[in-house]
Amino acid sequence: MRPVNLAVLVATVLVVAACQPAGEVERSPAAGGPEASSPAIAGPEQHSIPRCDEVPPISADPELYRDTPIYVGNEMPADQVRAWAARHPGFEEIWIDRDRMGWITVAFSADADVRQAELAEAFPGVGVVAVEVDWSMAELEALQRRIGEALGANLQAGSWISVQQGVVGIGLGVLEPERIEAVAELFGDAPICIDGLDPADVPAAGPQAPDGDGWRLIANQPGAGEPYRTGVAFDEDSYARLWMESGVTDPPPPVDFESEIVIWFGAVYGSSCPDLRLDDVVVDRERAIVHAEIVHTEPAMACTADANPRAYLVALERVRLPVGPFWIQLGAADPPAGVPEERTIVEVDLSAPGAVAEFDQVHPDQRVPEPRANVSGGVIEPGFEALYRMSVHCGIEWLGELNSVTWHTEVPAGSTDHVPLEWEPMVGSDEHIELVVLMEAGPIPTLTATANGHSVTYRATADDPPGCD
C-alpha cells in the first residue's frame, strides 16, 4: 500500500499552479481534475478506453517544424495568432507545444493546409503550425456536459477537455472495474480517456486503529489546532501546554511519562477531502526522525486547496525513540516550502525513562530553507537568475533540459569530460555542480551558467545530447 502524505496536500497544489507557464491551453477543468495515472485501462470487450497519459498529443507534419525559433517562456505571439485564427472558418483552439520548441499550434476542423500557408505569410519567422482535427470545441464541450450529467452524481467523476489531445478526460478517483465499465457502456465510443488511482495503491478500508507498534492514539479531532504543526510532551507540565496548543477539547487521558512521551501531529486536509486516518507512527532511527503515516481513505479526483487542521495525539513508548536529539514531522519528506515550523526539533535525548527537556530545547524549526536548485527537466523564469544543479559526468557540453529545451555549448574538440578549471573545485563527489543560471529569450535563446566567478554561455538547440557512456 502506498500512503498518501496529506501534509503536503495544499503546498503541492500551489506549487503546480505556480509552475504552469502562462498562456498555455492544456486542460479546461469542469468538476475536478485527473489523479495519478493507472496501468492500461480496459472496459467491456467491445470497448477499449485509453489512459489519458497514453493519448498522444496532436502535432503537425514534422517537416513543418524548423530549428528556429525556439521559445523558452511566453514570448511567442500567441495572442496575435489567436486573433488572426479566430477570423477564419473552422478555427477551434490554439495551444503552445512545449515539446516542439514552444511553437504555437492552431487547430482547424477544415482546410488546415490552406491556413498553414496563410499563417506562414501572415507571421513570417514565427513558430506556428496549423493542424486539422476531426472534432470541434462545441462537440467536446457537449460531450463534457453529457459526461457530467451521466456520471457526476452517481460516480462523482470529474471531467476536463484536453485540446492538445482532442479528448475529454474523466477522473474516476479509483479505477475500479465497475466504474470503468459504467463509463465504457455510456461513452466507450466517444473521444475520451480515463485517469485515476490503481486500486492496489488505495489504502485498505477500515476504521481508525486505536494503537500500533509502540504507540496508542489518545486524541483524534478534526478542526482542532493548526495545520502543519507538531509538538511533544515529556512530563505533566509540558503535556498540559501541548494539549492546549493542539486545540483538542476533550480532557487529556493519563500518560505514564516514565515510559512514554506524547506527540502531536497537526495534520492538514482540503475541506472536500476530510477522510483522514492515522495508520502508523514511524520511528526512523537512521535519520533521527519520528513522523506520522497519514492516509486519505476516500481518494477523490481533486481536493480543494484550503488547509484545514486535524489533531492527532499519540503516546509513544520511549524505548522506540532514537537515542539523542531527533526531529518530529508530519511525513517522511521535509515540510513543504513556507511551513518549516511543521518540524519540531528536540535537542535532547528523551529515550531514557523519565527524561525531560528544558523549555528552549524543544522548538519549531524556524530556519529559512535553502533555495532548492532546479534540475534537468525543470522550468525557470527567463530574465531572472535561478539555481541549477548540473551533472558533469559527461562534462559540461550539454547542460540538460530547462523549459522543455536542451542547452548546448562548445567545448574543446574531442573532449567528452571537459570542466572549466574554475568549476572543478565546485564539483561534488556525486559529480554535480550547483550553478547560477540566467536564461534570455530570443530566436536562439541563450543561458549563462556561472560558478566560482566563471561563466559559460549555452544556446538552445533542437538536437538531443548523445551521451558519453
Protein backbone atom coordinates (compact mmCIF):
# COMPACT_ATOMS: atom_id res chain seq x y z
CA MET A 1 0.00 0.00 0.00
CA ARG A 2 1.34 3.44 -0.83
CA PRO A 3 0.42 6.02 1.85
CA VAL A 4 -0.81 9.44 0.78
CA ASN A 5 1.03 12.21 2.60
CA LEU A 6 -1.69 14.70 3.48
CA ALA A 7 0.89 17.04 4.96
CA VAL A 8 1.87 18.28 1.52
CA LEU A 9 -1.63 18.40 0.03
CA VAL A 10 -2.09 22.15 -0.16
CA ALA A 11 1.52 23.02 -0.88
CA THR A 12 1.59 20.63 -3.82
CA VAL A 13 -1.47 22.21 -5.38
CA LEU A 14 0.02 25.68 -5.08
CA VAL A 15 3.43 24.74 -6.45
CA VAL A 16 1.96 23.09 -9.51
CA ALA A 17 -0.17 26.13 -10.25
CA ALA A 18 2.79 28.45 -9.91
CA CYS A 19 4.94 26.45 -12.34
CA GLN A 20 2.38 26.32 -15.16
CA PRO A 21 3.70 28.60 -17.91
CA ALA A 22 1.27 31.40 -18.73
CA GLY A 23 -0.56 31.42 -22.00
CA GLU A 24 -0.80 27.66 -22.42
CA VAL A 25 -4.07 25.93 -23.16
CA GLU A 26 -3.93 22.39 -21.88
CA ARG A 27 -6.97 21.33 -19.90
CA SER A 28 -10.24 23.02 -19.14
CA PRO A 29 -11.43 21.62 -15.79
CA ALA A 30 -15.12 21.27 -15.09
CA ALA A 31 -15.65 19.29 -11.91
CA GLY A 32 -12.26 18.25 -10.67
CA GLY A 33 -9.17 17.04 -12.48
CA PRO A 34 -7.04 13.97 -13.05
CA GLU A 35 -5.43 11.92 -10.39
CA ALA A 36 -2.35 9.75 -10.70
CA SER A 37 -2.35 7.59 -13.80
CA SER A 38 -3.12 3.91 -13.76
CA PRO A 39 -1.92 0.95 -15.80
CA ALA A 40 -3.66 0.28 -19.12
CA ILE A 41 -7.43 0.56 -18.79
CA ALA A 42 -9.99 -1.62 -20.49
CA GLY A 43 -13.76 -1.63 -20.29
CA PRO A 44 -16.06 -4.31 -21.62
CA GLU A 45 -14.79 -6.38 -24.55
CA GLN A 46 -16.32 -4.11 -27.20
CA HIS A 47 -14.58 -1.02 -25.78
CA SER A 48 -11.01 -0.02 -25.01
CA ILE A 49 -10.66 3.20 -23.07
CA PRO A 50 -7.15 4.68 -23.12
CA ARG A 51 -5.38 6.03 -20.11
CA CYS A 52 -5.01 9.80 -20.52
CA ASP A 53 -1.22 9.73 -20.47
CA GLU A 54 -1.32 7.21 -23.33
CA VAL A 55 -3.22 9.52 -25.70
CA PRO A 56 -0.62 11.15 -27.97
CA PRO A 57 -0.62 14.94 -28.32
CA ILE A 58 -1.68 16.42 -31.63
CA SER A 59 1.15 17.78 -33.78
CA ALA A 60 1.71 18.86 -37.37
CA ASP A 61 3.75 17.24 -40.13
CA PRO A 62 7.34 17.07 -38.77
CA GLU A 63 8.58 18.80 -41.92
CA LEU A 64 6.75 21.98 -40.90
CA TYR A 65 8.94 22.45 -37.82
CA ARG A 66 12.20 24.38 -38.27
CA ASP A 67 15.20 24.57 -35.94
CA THR A 68 14.28 28.14 -35.05
CA PRO A 69 12.70 29.98 -33.40
CA ILE A 70 12.92 28.31 -30.01
CA TYR A 71 10.67 29.76 -27.30
CA VAL A 72 11.67 29.37 -23.64
CA GLY A 73 8.98 31.45 -21.91
CA ASN A 74 5.83 33.06 -23.19
CA GLU A 75 7.45 35.35 -25.73
CA MET A 76 5.66 33.74 -28.68
CA PRO A 77 2.90 35.97 -30.20
CA ALA A 78 0.07 33.66 -29.14
CA ASP A 79 -2.50 36.43 -28.69
CA GLN A 80 -1.87 37.86 -32.16
CA VAL A 81 -2.10 34.41 -33.74
CA ARG A 82 -5.32 33.66 -31.87
CA ALA A 83 -6.88 36.92 -33.02
CA TRP A 84 -5.92 36.09 -36.61
CA ALA A 85 -7.16 32.50 -36.41
CA ALA A 86 -10.49 33.46 -34.85
CA ARG A 87 -11.38 35.33 -38.05
CA HIS A 88 -11.04 32.22 -40.20
CA PRO A 89 -13.58 29.42 -40.67
CA GLY A 90 -13.03 26.16 -38.85
CA PHE A 91 -10.88 27.64 -36.06
CA GLU A 92 -11.24 25.55 -32.91
CA GLU A 93 -8.43 26.23 -30.47
CA ILE A 94 -4.80 27.26 -30.02
CA TRP A 95 -2.09 25.99 -27.67
CA ILE A 96 1.64 26.14 -27.02
CA ASP A 97 3.51 22.92 -27.75
CA ARG A 98 6.37 22.77 -25.24
CA ASP A 99 7.56 19.50 -26.74
CA ARG A 100 8.02 21.28 -30.09
CA MET A 101 10.26 24.21 -29.07
CA GLY A 102 7.29 26.14 -27.67
CA TRP A 103 5.72 26.58 -31.08
CA ILE A 104 2.11 27.67 -31.43
CA THR A 105 -0.36 25.08 -32.68
CA VAL A 106 -3.64 26.22 -34.21
CA ALA A 107 -6.39 23.63 -34.66
CA PHE A 108 -8.86 23.90 -37.53
CA SER A 109 -11.67 21.50 -38.29
CA ALA A 110 -11.32 22.17 -42.04
CA ASP A 111 -8.79 23.43 -44.59
CA ALA A 112 -5.77 23.34 -42.27
CA ASP A 113 -3.38 23.14 -45.25
CA VAL A 114 -4.78 26.41 -46.61
CA ARG A 115 -4.49 28.02 -43.16
CA GLN A 116 -0.87 26.84 -42.88
CA ALA A 117 0.12 28.74 -45.99
CA GLU A 118 -1.74 31.81 -44.81
CA LEU A 119 -0.12 31.64 -41.36
CA ALA A 120 3.34 31.49 -42.91
CA GLU A 121 2.56 34.62 -44.89
CA ALA A 122 0.91 36.49 -42.03
CA PHE A 123 3.56 35.59 -39.42
CA PRO A 124 6.93 35.20 -41.17
CA GLY A 125 9.63 33.85 -38.86
CA VAL A 126 7.14 32.86 -36.15
CA GLY A 127 6.98 29.26 -34.91
CA VAL A 128 3.37 28.39 -35.73
CA VAL A 129 1.69 25.41 -37.38
CA ALA A 130 -1.87 24.55 -38.36
CA VAL A 131 -3.32 21.12 -37.69
CA GLU A 132 -6.59 19.65 -38.94
CA VAL A 133 -8.70 17.94 -36.29
CA ASP A 134 -11.77 15.74 -36.55
CA TRP A 135 -13.55 17.47 -33.68
CA SER A 136 -14.91 20.86 -32.78
CA MET A 137 -14.83 22.64 -29.44
CA ALA A 138 -18.63 22.63 -29.46
CA GLU A 139 -18.60 18.83 -29.76
CA LEU A 140 -16.06 18.37 -26.96
CA GLU A 141 -17.94 20.78 -24.70
CA ALA A 142 -21.23 18.99 -25.39
CA LEU A 143 -19.59 15.65 -24.63
CA GLN A 144 -18.21 17.01 -21.37
CA ARG A 145 -21.69 18.20 -20.35
CA ARG A 146 -23.19 14.78 -21.11
CA ILE A 147 -20.47 13.09 -19.08
CA GLY A 148 -21.14 15.39 -16.13
CA GLU A 149 -24.88 14.75 -16.29
CA ALA A 150 -24.48 10.98 -16.60
CA LEU A 151 -21.58 10.31 -14.25
CA GLY A 152 -21.24 13.26 -11.91
CA ALA A 153 -23.89 12.31 -9.38
CA ASN A 154 -23.51 8.54 -9.42
CA LEU A 155 -19.75 8.12 -9.80
CA GLN A 156 -18.64 11.57 -8.61
CA ALA A 157 -16.49 11.70 -11.72
CA GLY A 158 -14.71 14.88 -12.77
CA SER A 159 -14.03 15.79 -16.39
CA TRP A 160 -11.88 18.17 -18.39
CA ILE A 161 -11.13 18.96 -22.03
CA SER A 162 -7.62 18.33 -23.35
CA VAL A 163 -7.46 20.17 -26.67
CA GLN A 164 -3.84 19.07 -27.17
CA GLN A 165 -5.12 15.50 -27.33
CA GLY A 166 -8.60 16.12 -28.70
CA VAL A 167 -10.34 14.22 -25.91
CA VAL A 168 -12.46 14.70 -22.82
CA GLY A 169 -10.69 13.28 -19.79
CA ILE A 170 -12.60 11.61 -16.98
CA GLY A 171 -11.20 11.38 -13.46
CA LEU A 172 -12.68 8.42 -11.62
CA GLY A 173 -10.72 8.63 -8.38
CA VAL A 174 -10.19 4.87 -8.09
CA LEU A 175 -10.16 2.78 -11.26
CA GLU A 176 -12.37 0.00 -10.04
CA PRO A 177 -13.67 -2.34 -12.79
CA GLU A 178 -17.33 -1.47 -12.22
CA ARG A 179 -16.58 2.26 -12.54
CA ILE A 180 -14.68 1.74 -15.78
CA GLU A 181 -17.49 -0.45 -17.13
CA ALA A 182 -20.09 2.21 -16.35
CA VAL A 183 -18.08 4.76 -18.34
CA ALA A 184 -17.48 2.35 -21.20
CA GLU A 185 -21.14 1.44 -21.55
CA LEU A 186 -22.15 5.07 -21.92
CA PHE A 187 -19.16 6.69 -23.64
CA GLY A 188 -16.87 3.91 -24.84
CA ASP A 189 -17.06 5.03 -28.47
CA ALA A 190 -16.54 8.73 -27.74
CA PRO A 191 -13.17 10.58 -27.71
CA ILE A 192 -12.45 10.10 -24.00
CA CYS A 193 -9.66 8.96 -21.73
CA ILE A 194 -9.59 7.97 -18.05
CA ASP A 195 -7.31 8.85 -15.15
CA GLY A 196 -7.36 7.59 -11.59
CA LEU A 197 -5.65 5.56 -8.91
CA ASP A 198 -4.91 1.88 -9.29
CA PRO A 199 -6.96 0.04 -6.64
CA ALA A 200 -3.73 -1.52 -5.36
CA ASP A 201 -2.49 1.95 -4.38
CA VAL A 202 -5.58 2.84 -2.35
CA PRO A 203 -5.37 2.45 1.43
CA ALA A 204 -7.35 -0.52 2.71
CA ALA A 205 -10.78 0.26 4.04
CA GLY A 206 -11.29 0.23 7.76
CA PRO A 207 -11.74 2.36 10.87
CA GLN A 208 -9.08 4.30 12.73
CA ALA A 209 -6.90 1.89 14.70
CA PRO A 210 -6.60 2.76 18.41
CA ASP A 211 -2.92 1.76 18.57
CA GLY A 212 0.05 0.35 16.71
CA ASP A 213 3.60 -0.84 17.26
CA GLY A 214 4.70 1.00 20.40
CA TRP A 215 2.08 3.77 20.16
CA ARG A 216 -1.51 4.40 21.15
CA LEU A 217 -3.91 7.08 19.94
CA ILE A 218 -5.13 9.37 22.74
CA ALA A 219 -6.85 12.11 20.68
CA ASN A 220 -8.27 12.46 17.18
CA GLN A 221 -10.20 15.66 16.49
CA PRO A 222 -10.89 17.32 13.12
CA GLY A 223 -10.77 21.11 13.10
CA ALA A 224 -8.59 21.30 16.21
CA GLY A 225 -5.42 23.35 16.47
CA GLU A 226 -3.38 24.46 13.48
CA PRO A 227 -2.34 22.57 10.33
CA TYR A 228 1.30 21.87 9.55
CA ARG A 229 2.32 21.64 13.19
CA THR A 230 3.89 19.09 15.52
CA GLY A 231 4.85 19.05 19.17
CA VAL A 232 5.97 16.87 22.04
CA ALA A 233 5.32 16.46 25.77
CA PHE A 234 7.57 14.59 28.20
CA ASP A 235 6.08 15.43 31.61
CA GLU A 236 2.79 16.65 33.11
CA ASP A 237 3.55 20.36 32.66
CA SER A 238 4.57 20.05 29.00
CA TYR A 239 1.57 17.74 28.47
CA ALA A 240 -0.84 20.44 29.67
CA ARG A 241 0.79 23.02 27.37
CA LEU A 242 0.77 20.66 24.38
CA TRP A 243 -2.87 19.69 24.92
CA MET A 244 -3.91 23.32 24.93
CA GLU A 245 -1.79 24.08 21.83
CA SER A 246 -3.31 21.15 19.93
CA GLY A 247 -6.79 22.58 20.38
CA VAL A 248 -8.35 19.28 21.45
CA THR A 249 -11.45 19.92 23.55
CA ASP A 250 -11.72 16.55 25.34
CA PRO A 251 -9.93 16.19 28.68
CA PRO A 252 -6.43 14.67 28.38
CA PRO A 253 -6.20 10.99 29.35
CA PRO A 254 -3.48 9.81 31.75
CA VAL A 255 0.01 9.10 30.39
CA ASP A 256 2.90 7.27 32.07
CA PHE A 257 5.74 9.72 31.35
CA GLU A 258 8.27 7.37 32.86
CA SER A 259 7.88 5.10 29.83
CA GLU A 260 6.05 7.28 27.29
CA ILE A 261 6.07 10.68 25.61
CA VAL A 262 3.18 12.37 23.82
CA ILE A 263 3.45 13.63 20.22
CA TRP A 264 1.02 15.97 18.46
CA PHE A 265 0.61 15.69 14.71
CA GLY A 266 -1.26 18.74 13.36
CA ALA A 267 -2.39 17.20 10.06
CA VAL A 268 -3.93 19.08 7.13
CA TYR A 269 -6.69 18.34 4.64
CA GLY A 270 -8.78 20.05 1.99
CA SER A 271 -12.40 20.60 3.00
CA SER A 272 -13.63 18.42 0.12
CA CYS A 273 -11.35 15.55 1.26
CA PRO A 274 -11.77 15.24 5.04
CA ASP A 275 -11.40 11.47 5.38
CA LEU A 276 -8.02 11.05 7.05
CA ARG A 277 -6.67 8.13 9.02
CA LEU A 278 -3.51 7.80 11.08
CA ASP A 279 -2.11 4.44 10.07
CA ASP A 280 1.24 4.45 11.86
CA VAL A 281 3.82 6.38 13.83
CA VAL A 282 7.17 5.73 12.19
CA VAL A 283 10.49 6.00 14.02
CA ASP A 284 13.34 6.43 11.55
CA ARG A 285 16.37 5.83 13.74
CA GLU A 286 18.87 6.32 10.93
CA ARG A 287 17.57 9.83 10.18
CA ALA A 288 16.58 10.50 13.83
CA ILE A 289 13.06 11.42 12.74
CA VAL A 290 9.65 10.49 14.14
CA HIS A 291 6.81 11.01 11.68
CA ALA A 292 3.22 10.05 11.08
CA GLU A 293 1.83 7.94 8.28
CA ILE A 294 -1.49 9.60 7.46
CA VAL A 295 -3.60 8.38 4.56
CA HIS A 296 -6.70 9.55 2.75
CA THR A 297 -9.28 6.78 2.92
CA GLU A 298 -11.63 8.15 0.25
CA PRO A 299 -9.49 9.14 -2.76
CA ALA A 300 -11.02 11.93 -4.83
CA MET A 301 -10.32 13.38 -8.29
CA ALA A 302 -9.16 16.64 -6.73
CA CYS A 303 -9.16 18.26 -3.31
CA THR A 304 -9.82 21.89 -2.52
CA ALA A 305 -6.68 23.83 -1.67
CA ASP A 306 -7.81 25.13 1.73
CA ALA A 307 -5.74 23.98 4.69
CA ASN A 308 -7.89 22.57 7.49
CA PRO A 309 -6.38 21.15 10.69
CA ARG A 310 -6.84 17.78 12.32
CA ALA A 311 -5.18 16.98 15.62
CA TYR A 312 -3.78 13.53 16.32
CA LEU A 313 -2.08 12.95 19.67
CA VAL A 314 -0.31 9.71 20.41
CA ALA A 315 1.52 8.26 23.36
CA LEU A 316 4.77 6.75 22.09
CA GLU A 317 6.99 4.36 24.05
CA ARG A 318 10.33 5.96 24.89
CA VAL A 319 12.25 2.78 24.05
CA ARG A 320 11.27 3.31 20.40
CA LEU A 321 12.82 6.78 20.19
CA PRO A 322 16.17 7.48 18.54
CA VAL A 323 18.98 7.85 21.06
CA GLY A 324 19.93 11.51 21.19
CA PRO A 325 18.37 14.60 19.57
CA PHE A 326 15.64 13.99 17.00
CA TRP A 327 13.03 15.69 14.83
CA ILE A 328 9.26 15.30 14.64
CA GLN A 329 7.39 15.99 11.40
CA LEU A 330 4.14 15.03 9.68
CA GLY A 331 5.62 12.80 6.98
CA ALA A 332 8.84 11.17 5.87
CA ALA A 333 9.59 14.05 3.48
CA ASP A 334 10.72 17.50 4.56
CA PRO A 335 7.98 20.01 5.40
CA PRO A 336 6.56 21.89 2.41
CA ALA A 337 8.10 25.21 1.41
CA GLY A 338 6.70 28.02 3.53
CA VAL A 339 5.97 25.99 6.66
CA PRO A 340 9.33 24.91 8.14
CA GLU A 341 7.72 25.23 11.58
CA GLU A 342 5.88 21.96 10.88
CA ARG A 343 9.06 20.26 12.08
CA THR A 344 9.70 20.17 15.83
CA ILE A 345 13.35 19.96 16.84
CA VAL A 346 14.13 18.11 20.07
CA GLU A 347 17.70 18.89 21.09
CA VAL A 348 17.98 16.30 23.86
CA ASP A 349 17.69 12.56 24.32
CA LEU A 350 14.19 11.59 25.53
CA SER A 351 14.63 7.84 25.11
CA ALA A 352 15.70 7.23 28.72
CA PRO A 353 12.95 6.60 31.30
CA GLY A 354 11.53 9.86 32.60
CA ALA A 355 13.94 12.06 30.60
CA VAL A 356 12.91 15.70 30.28
CA ALA A 357 13.95 18.73 28.23
CA GLU A 358 14.47 22.36 29.11
CA PHE A 359 11.99 24.86 27.67
CA ASP A 360 14.38 26.10 24.95
CA GLN A 361 15.47 22.60 23.94
CA VAL A 362 12.19 21.84 22.15
CA HIS A 363 11.07 24.27 19.46
CA PRO A 364 9.69 24.55 15.91
CA ASP A 365 12.21 24.63 13.08
CA GLN A 366 12.46 28.34 12.29
CA ARG A 367 15.32 28.04 9.83
CA VAL A 368 14.71 29.53 6.41
CA PRO A 369 15.03 26.62 3.95
CA GLU A 370 17.86 26.86 1.47
CA PRO A 371 16.63 27.69 -2.03
CA ARG A 372 16.12 24.47 -3.93
CA ALA A 373 18.16 24.19 -7.09
CA ASN A 374 16.40 23.33 -10.31
CA VAL A 375 17.41 20.14 -12.10
CA SER A 376 17.18 18.98 -15.68
CA GLY A 377 13.54 18.89 -16.73
CA GLY A 378 12.58 21.92 -14.64
CA VAL A 379 11.15 25.32 -15.51
CA ILE A 380 12.67 28.73 -14.68
CA GLU A 381 11.65 32.30 -15.47
CA PRO A 382 13.60 33.91 -18.33
CA GLY A 383 15.35 37.11 -17.32
CA PHE A 384 15.76 36.09 -13.65
CA GLU A 385 18.66 34.26 -12.02
CA ALA A 386 17.97 30.79 -10.69
CA LEU A 387 19.91 27.95 -9.08
CA TYR A 388 20.56 24.88 -11.21
CA ARG A 389 22.14 21.57 -10.23
CA MET A 390 24.02 20.06 -13.18
CA SER A 391 25.63 16.67 -13.69
CA VAL A 392 29.18 16.88 -15.08
CA HIS A 393 29.54 13.12 -15.50
CA CYS A 394 29.71 13.70 -19.27
CA GLY A 395 31.44 17.08 -18.97
CA ILE A 396 29.68 20.41 -19.40
CA GLU A 397 28.95 20.41 -23.14
CA TRP A 398 25.27 19.64 -22.51
CA LEU A 399 23.68 21.48 -19.60
CA GLY A 400 20.46 19.46 -19.61
CA GLU A 401 16.84 20.43 -20.24
CA LEU A 402 15.20 23.57 -18.91
CA ASN A 403 11.82 24.92 -20.03
CA SER A 404 11.49 21.86 -22.29
CA VAL A 405 14.58 22.99 -24.23
CA THR A 406 18.02 21.37 -24.44
CA TRP A 407 21.07 23.61 -23.88
CA HIS A 408 24.48 23.18 -25.56
CA THR A 409 27.86 24.93 -25.50
CA GLU A 410 31.07 24.46 -27.46
CA VAL A 411 33.92 22.62 -25.73
CA PRO A 412 37.46 21.78 -26.87
CA ALA A 413 37.44 19.45 -29.85
CA GLY A 414 37.43 15.77 -28.92
CA SER A 415 36.67 16.45 -25.25
CA THR A 416 33.94 14.40 -23.62
CA ASP A 417 34.62 15.33 -19.98
CA HIS A 418 35.71 18.96 -20.16
CA VAL A 419 35.10 21.01 -16.99
CA PRO A 420 36.48 24.57 -16.66
CA LEU A 421 39.31 24.83 -14.14
CA GLU A 422 37.32 27.40 -12.15
CA TRP A 423 34.43 24.96 -11.81
CA GLU A 424 36.43 21.89 -10.76
CA PRO A 425 36.62 22.79 -7.03
CA MET A 426 32.84 23.23 -7.01
CA VAL A 427 32.09 19.72 -8.29
CA GLY A 428 30.82 17.41 -5.57
CA SER A 429 31.64 13.75 -5.02
CA ASP A 430 28.39 12.89 -6.83
CA GLU A 431 29.69 14.61 -10.00
CA HIS A 432 27.23 17.50 -9.72
CA ILE A 433 27.82 21.23 -9.57
CA GLU A 434 25.45 23.99 -8.46
CA LEU A 435 25.28 26.92 -10.87
CA VAL A 436 23.57 30.28 -11.06
CA VAL A 437 21.84 30.41 -14.44
CA LEU A 438 20.25 33.27 -16.36
CA MET A 439 18.05 32.47 -19.36
CA GLU A 440 17.44 35.05 -22.09
CA ALA A 441 14.76 34.67 -24.76
CA GLY A 442 15.43 35.28 -28.46
CA PRO A 443 15.25 33.50 -31.84
CA ILE A 444 18.03 31.28 -30.45
CA PRO A 445 17.76 31.69 -26.65
CA THR A 446 20.89 31.78 -24.52
CA LEU A 447 21.60 30.67 -20.98
CA THR A 448 24.56 31.89 -18.95
CA ALA A 449 25.77 29.49 -16.24
CA THR A 450 28.08 30.85 -13.54
CA ALA A 451 30.04 29.25 -10.71
CA ASN A 452 33.12 30.43 -8.82
CA GLY A 453 33.24 33.63 -10.87
CA HIS A 454 33.42 31.83 -14.22
CA SER A 455 30.57 31.88 -16.77
CA VAL A 456 29.73 29.59 -19.70
CA THR A 457 27.17 30.54 -22.34
CA TYR A 458 24.77 27.87 -23.61
CA ARG A 459 22.44 28.08 -26.58
CA ALA A 460 19.08 26.41 -27.05
CA THR A 461 19.08 23.59 -29.56
CA ALA A 462 16.63 21.18 -31.10
CA ASP A 463 19.30 18.44 -31.03
CA ASP A 464 19.42 15.66 -28.47
CA PRO A 465 22.58 15.11 -26.38
CA PRO A 466 24.48 11.99 -27.48
CA GLY A 467 25.56 10.88 -24.01
CA CYS A 468 29.02 9.66 -23.11
CA ASP A 469 28.65 6.09 -21.79
